[in-house]
N, C-alpha and C. Protein backbone atom coordinates (compact mmCIF):
# COMPACT_ATOMS: atom_id res chain seq x y z
N MET A 1 21.58 -16.56 59.20
CA MET A 1 21.51 -15.31 59.80
C MET A 1 23.28 -15.39 60.73
N GLN A 2 22.72 -15.89 61.31
CA GLN A 2 23.80 -16.23 62.67
C GLN A 2 25.40 -16.44 62.52
N HIS A 3 25.55 -17.34 61.29
CA HIS A 3 26.96 -17.40 60.72
C HIS A 3 27.61 -16.15 60.11
N LEU A 4 25.86 -15.29 59.76
CA LEU A 4 27.08 -13.58 59.30
C LEU A 4 27.38 -13.25 60.17
N GLU A 5 26.72 -13.10 61.67
CA GLU A 5 26.90 -12.52 62.21
C GLU A 5 28.17 -12.75 63.12
N THR A 6 28.30 -14.55 63.36
CA THR A 6 29.72 -14.79 63.56
C THR A 6 30.76 -14.61 63.33
N LEU A 7 30.55 -14.15 61.51
CA LEU A 7 31.90 -14.13 60.62
C LEU A 7 32.26 -12.57 61.19
N LYS A 8 31.65 -12.25 61.28
CA LYS A 8 31.43 -10.57 61.54
C LYS A 8 32.67 -10.13 62.95
N LYS A 9 32.05 -10.58 63.76
CA LYS A 9 32.42 -10.57 64.99
C LYS A 9 33.79 -11.04 65.01
N CYS A 10 33.80 -12.24 64.07
CA CYS A 10 35.88 -12.19 63.89
C CYS A 10 36.23 -11.14 63.75
N TYR A 11 35.93 -10.95 62.12
CA TYR A 11 36.56 -10.08 61.61
C TYR A 11 36.99 -8.86 62.08
N ASP A 12 35.70 -8.20 63.12
CA ASP A 12 36.15 -7.03 63.69
C ASP A 12 36.99 -7.27 64.92
N LEU A 13 36.80 -8.47 65.52
CA LEU A 13 38.08 -9.27 66.39
C LEU A 13 38.87 -8.61 65.96
N THR A 14 39.88 -9.90 64.39
CA THR A 14 40.59 -9.80 64.08
C THR A 14 41.32 -7.68 64.02
N TYR A 15 39.84 -7.33 63.09
CA TYR A 15 40.92 -6.09 62.01
C TYR A 15 41.78 -5.00 63.24
N ASP A 16 40.57 -5.04 64.96
CA ASP A 16 41.31 -4.26 65.74
C ASP A 16 42.22 -4.71 66.99
N SER A 17 42.44 -6.15 66.16
CA SER A 17 43.27 -6.98 67.15
C SER A 17 45.25 -6.55 66.60
N PHE A 18 44.53 -6.52 65.14
CA PHE A 18 46.03 -6.07 63.92
C PHE A 18 45.63 -5.34 63.09
N PRO A 19 46.11 -4.05 63.09
CA PRO A 19 45.43 -2.78 62.16
C PRO A 19 45.97 -3.65 61.09
N VAL A 20 45.66 -2.95 59.72
CA VAL A 20 46.29 -3.08 58.69
C VAL A 20 46.98 -2.22 58.39
N TRP A 21 46.71 -0.75 58.53
CA TRP A 21 48.06 -0.01 58.37
C TRP A 21 48.17 0.45 59.40
N PRO A 22 49.32 1.25 59.84
CA PRO A 22 49.72 2.10 61.45
C PRO A 22 48.99 3.33 61.79
N LEU A 23 48.65 3.76 60.50
CA LEU A 23 48.29 5.13 60.71
C LEU A 23 46.25 5.27 59.76
N LYS A 24 45.36 5.84 60.07
CA LYS A 24 44.87 5.94 58.90
C LYS A 24 45.35 6.48 57.65
N THR A 25 44.43 6.25 56.56
CA THR A 25 44.66 7.12 55.89
C THR A 25 44.46 8.71 55.74
N CYS A 26 43.68 9.25 55.87
CA CYS A 26 43.88 10.65 55.91
C CYS A 26 44.07 11.56 56.83
N THR A 27 44.83 11.00 57.82
CA THR A 27 46.15 10.91 58.58
C THR A 27 47.58 11.00 57.94
N LEU A 28 47.66 9.91 57.54
CA LEU A 28 48.69 9.81 57.06
C LEU A 28 48.97 10.94 55.73
N SER A 29 47.99 11.05 55.17
CA SER A 29 48.13 12.10 53.78
C SER A 29 48.51 13.63 54.19
N SER A 30 47.75 13.98 55.27
CA SER A 30 47.85 15.01 55.76
C SER A 30 49.32 15.29 56.39
N VAL A 31 49.78 14.22 56.91
CA VAL A 31 51.13 14.53 57.43
C VAL A 31 52.52 14.66 56.00
N ILE A 32 51.98 13.62 55.25
CA ILE A 32 52.77 13.77 54.31
C ILE A 32 52.71 15.04 53.10
N ALA A 33 51.70 15.59 53.11
CA ALA A 33 51.31 17.29 52.31
C ALA A 33 52.21 18.29 53.62
N THR A 34 51.67 18.10 54.36
CA THR A 34 52.79 19.18 55.10
C THR A 34 54.19 19.21 55.47
N ILE A 35 54.39 17.86 55.22
CA ILE A 35 55.88 17.64 55.06
C ILE A 35 56.50 17.76 53.19
N VAL A 36 56.08 17.87 52.50
CA VAL A 36 56.16 17.48 51.07
C VAL A 36 56.02 19.18 50.61
N ILE A 37 54.78 19.38 50.73
CA ILE A 37 54.84 21.51 50.03
C ILE A 37 55.80 22.32 51.03
N PRO A 38 56.01 22.78 52.07
CA PRO A 38 57.49 23.54 52.22
C PRO A 38 58.51 23.25 51.82
N VAL A 39 58.59 21.26 51.40
CA VAL A 39 60.01 21.30 50.50
C VAL A 39 60.01 21.83 49.08
N ILE A 40 58.93 21.43 48.55
CA ILE A 40 58.27 21.10 47.61
C ILE A 40 58.62 22.66 46.49
N LEU A 41 57.76 23.45 47.04
CA LEU A 41 57.23 25.20 46.77
C LEU A 41 58.68 25.86 46.51
N PRO A 42 59.79 26.15 47.25
CA PRO A 42 60.67 26.79 47.51
C PRO A 42 61.55 25.97 45.37
N LEU A 43 60.74 25.37 45.22
CA LEU A 43 61.59 25.05 44.11
C LEU A 43 60.90 24.80 43.23
N VAL A 44 59.87 24.32 42.76
CA VAL A 44 58.96 25.10 42.21
C VAL A 44 58.53 26.57 41.81
N PHE A 45 58.28 26.90 42.54
CA PHE A 45 57.87 28.35 42.40
C PHE A 45 58.66 29.63 41.74
N PRO A 46 60.30 29.45 41.35
CA PRO A 46 60.56 30.21 40.61
C PRO A 46 60.08 30.25 39.12
N PHE A 47 59.90 28.54 38.83
CA PHE A 47 59.42 28.21 37.08
C PHE A 47 58.32 28.79 37.26
N ILE A 48 57.17 28.83 37.64
CA ILE A 48 56.10 29.25 37.85
C ILE A 48 55.51 30.70 37.28
N VAL A 49 56.81 31.59 38.60
CA VAL A 49 57.12 32.98 37.65
C VAL A 49 57.72 33.12 37.21
N SER A 50 58.22 32.28 36.55
CA SER A 50 59.08 32.64 35.22
C SER A 50 57.86 32.09 33.82
N PHE A 51 57.53 31.04 34.17
CA PHE A 51 56.15 30.42 33.50
C PHE A 51 54.90 31.93 33.22
N ILE A 52 54.88 32.40 34.24
CA ILE A 52 53.92 34.07 33.83
C ILE A 52 54.25 34.60 33.34
N VAL A 53 55.29 35.03 33.96
CA VAL A 53 56.32 36.28 32.43
C VAL A 53 56.54 35.75 31.45
N PHE A 54 56.44 34.45 31.30
CA PHE A 54 56.70 34.64 29.62
C PHE A 54 55.49 34.28 28.85
N LEU A 55 54.46 33.89 29.53
CA LEU A 55 53.07 34.00 29.16
C LEU A 55 52.59 35.46 29.07
N LEU A 56 52.38 36.18 30.13
CA LEU A 56 52.57 37.68 29.99
C LEU A 56 53.02 38.74 28.46
N GLN A 57 54.36 38.07 28.58
CA GLN A 57 55.10 38.37 27.47
C GLN A 57 54.66 38.41 26.17
N GLN A 58 54.21 36.93 26.28
CA GLN A 58 53.75 36.35 24.82
C GLN A 58 52.19 37.47 24.48
N ILE A 59 51.60 37.45 25.25
CA ILE A 59 50.11 38.57 24.82
C ILE A 59 50.31 39.70 25.04
N GLU A 60 52.00 40.47 25.19
CA GLU A 60 52.17 41.74 25.13
C GLU A 60 51.25 42.66 26.63
N PHE A 61 50.66 42.34 27.43
CA PHE A 61 50.72 42.55 28.56
C PHE A 61 51.08 43.61 29.17
């Protein structure tokens, strides 16, 4: 049991000293979403509206 505790301490020390990723994944995904959504939305929105209009015409709404 002592050996496992020593390994865990070594792992924690190494992990804290040399992070695997510069940003946490949650933070990184939030940043990407904040940047990508405003760029993509104006490009995709006209196609979405056209598709909805097409569907409404098909059901003669």
